[in-house]
Amino acid sequence: LWRRSSPDYAKAKKIYRFWAGNSCKSPTSVRTLQGFARADLTGESFADKFIAGGFPATFWDAVILAALDGTKEFAGAMRTKRVTSLKKLVVGLCNFYASHELESAI
């Protein structure tokens, strides 16, 4: 998906928004990366520190969609910047959401 000279951003966006793959909370509840990004985690220590640092609660979804769409801070960005940013953003999002799962389990 990313190794091609012209990445398929539309397919990546579809995966981000709709394809749950192997991440299921239960047999009937699938999870998506966009679901992670849109989760309201206010009131949890890690999320609250993130928001207190000046990031809006909608940061992850907004910046990932901008990178996928090539808009806002990614308007006119070269392929390398968009692809590298998307990879790092998804890792950051997964770390952010994993902190929620850990905090929920404690």
Protein backbone atom coordinates (compact mmCIF):
# COMPACT_ATOMS: atom_id res chain seq x y z
CA LEU A 1 0.00 0.00 0.00
CA TRP A 2 2.75 2.49 0.94
CA ARG A 3 5.69 1.17 -1.09
CA ARG A 4 4.29 2.22 -4.45
CA SER A 5 5.46 5.47 -5.97
CA SER A 6 1.88 6.72 -5.74
CA PRO A 7 0.29 5.36 -2.53
CA ASP A 8 -3.41 4.52 -2.58
CA TYR A 9 -4.53 7.10 -0.02
CA ALA A 10 -8.21 6.41 -0.77
CA LYS A 11 -7.77 2.74 0.13
CA ALA A 12 -5.80 3.67 3.24
CA LYS A 13 -8.60 6.02 4.27
CA LYS A 14 -11.16 3.27 3.78
CA ILE A 15 -9.08 0.96 5.99
CA TYR A 16 -8.75 3.71 8.62
CA ARG A 17 -12.48 4.40 8.66
CA PHE A 18 -14.16 1.04 8.10
CA TRP A 19 -11.99 -2.08 8.07
CA ALA A 20 -11.66 -3.58 11.48
CA GLY A 21 -9.50 -6.51 10.43
CA ASN A 22 -8.62 -8.57 13.48
CA SER A 23 -9.38 -5.98 16.14
CA CYS A 24 -12.64 -7.08 17.70
CA LYS A 25 -13.79 -6.24 21.19
CA SER A 26 -16.31 -9.10 20.98
CA PRO A 27 -17.83 -11.28 18.23
CA THR A 28 -20.27 -8.47 17.37
CA SER A 29 -18.20 -5.38 18.17
CA VAL A 30 -15.43 -4.53 15.73
CA ARG A 31 -12.98 -1.69 16.22
CA THR A 32 -11.45 0.66 13.68
CA LEU A 33 -8.53 3.04 13.85
CA GLN A 34 -10.94 5.94 13.41
CA GLY A 35 -12.92 4.60 16.34
CA PHE A 36 -9.75 4.73 18.43
CA ALA A 37 -9.14 8.31 17.29
CA ARG A 38 -12.69 9.46 18.04
CA ALA A 39 -13.00 7.79 21.44
CA ASP A 40 -13.73 10.23 24.24
CA LEU A 41 -11.01 9.44 26.73
CA THR A 42 -11.33 12.59 28.81
CA GLY A 43 -11.08 11.83 32.48
CA GLU A 44 -8.29 9.32 31.96
CA SER A 45 -4.84 10.37 33.13
CA PHE A 46 -2.92 9.89 29.87
CA ALA A 47 -5.60 11.55 27.72
CA ASP A 48 -6.01 14.44 30.13
CA LYS A 49 -2.26 15.14 30.10
CA PHE A 50 -2.28 15.02 26.29
CA ILE A 51 -5.17 17.51 26.12
CA ALA A 52 -3.59 19.70 28.84
CA GLY A 53 -0.51 19.86 26.61
CA GLY A 54 -2.54 21.85 24.10
CA PHE A 55 -3.84 19.10 21.83
CA PRO A 56 -7.59 19.04 21.16
CA ALA A 57 -9.43 15.81 21.99
CA THR A 58 -10.05 15.39 18.23
CA PHE A 59 -6.36 15.76 17.34
CA TRP A 60 -5.70 12.21 16.13
CA ASP A 61 -8.69 11.96 13.79
CA ALA A 62 -8.20 15.44 12.35
CA VAL A 63 -4.49 15.10 11.61
CA ILE A 64 -4.75 11.54 10.21
CA LEU A 65 -7.61 12.57 7.91
CA ALA A 66 -5.63 15.63 6.79
CA ALA A 67 -2.63 13.42 5.95
CA LEU A 68 -4.82 10.93 4.08
CA ASP A 69 -6.64 13.68 2.18
CA GLY A 70 -3.58 15.85 1.56
CA THR A 71 -5.24 18.87 3.18
CA LYS A 72 -4.43 21.38 5.94
CA GLU A 73 -0.81 20.93 7.06
CA PHE A 74 -0.36 18.23 4.40
CA ALA A 75 -1.60 20.27 1.44
CA GLY A 76 1.07 20.02 -1.25
CA ALA A 77 3.23 17.75 0.93
CA MET A 78 5.56 15.33 -0.80
CA ARG A 79 4.84 11.59 -0.75
CA THR A 80 7.61 10.91 1.78
CA LYS A 81 6.23 13.41 4.29
CA ARG A 82 2.68 12.11 4.01
CA VAL A 83 3.59 8.41 4.16
CA THR A 84 6.09 8.81 7.00
CA SER A 85 3.69 11.03 8.94
CA LEU A 86 0.83 8.57 8.50
CA LYS A 87 2.93 5.68 9.73
CA LYS A 88 4.05 7.63 12.79
CA LEU A 89 0.56 8.99 13.45
CA VAL A 90 -0.97 5.51 13.45
CA VAL A 91 1.74 4.26 15.84
CA GLY A 92 1.06 7.27 18.10
CA LEU A 93 -2.68 6.68 17.95
CA CYS A 94 -2.28 3.00 18.85
CA ASN A 95 -0.03 3.94 21.78
CA PHE A 96 -2.57 6.53 22.91
CA TYR A 97 -5.42 4.03 22.74
CA ALA A 98 -3.35 1.27 24.36
CA SER A 99 -2.90 3.57 27.35
CA HIS A 100 -6.70 3.73 27.56
CA GLU A 101 -6.95 -0.08 27.49
CA LEU A 102 -4.29 -0.35 30.20
CA GLU A 103 -5.96 2.27 32.37
CA SER A 104 -9.33 0.52 31.91
CA ALA A 105 -7.83 -2.79 32.99
CA ILE A 106 -6.33 -1.45 36.20
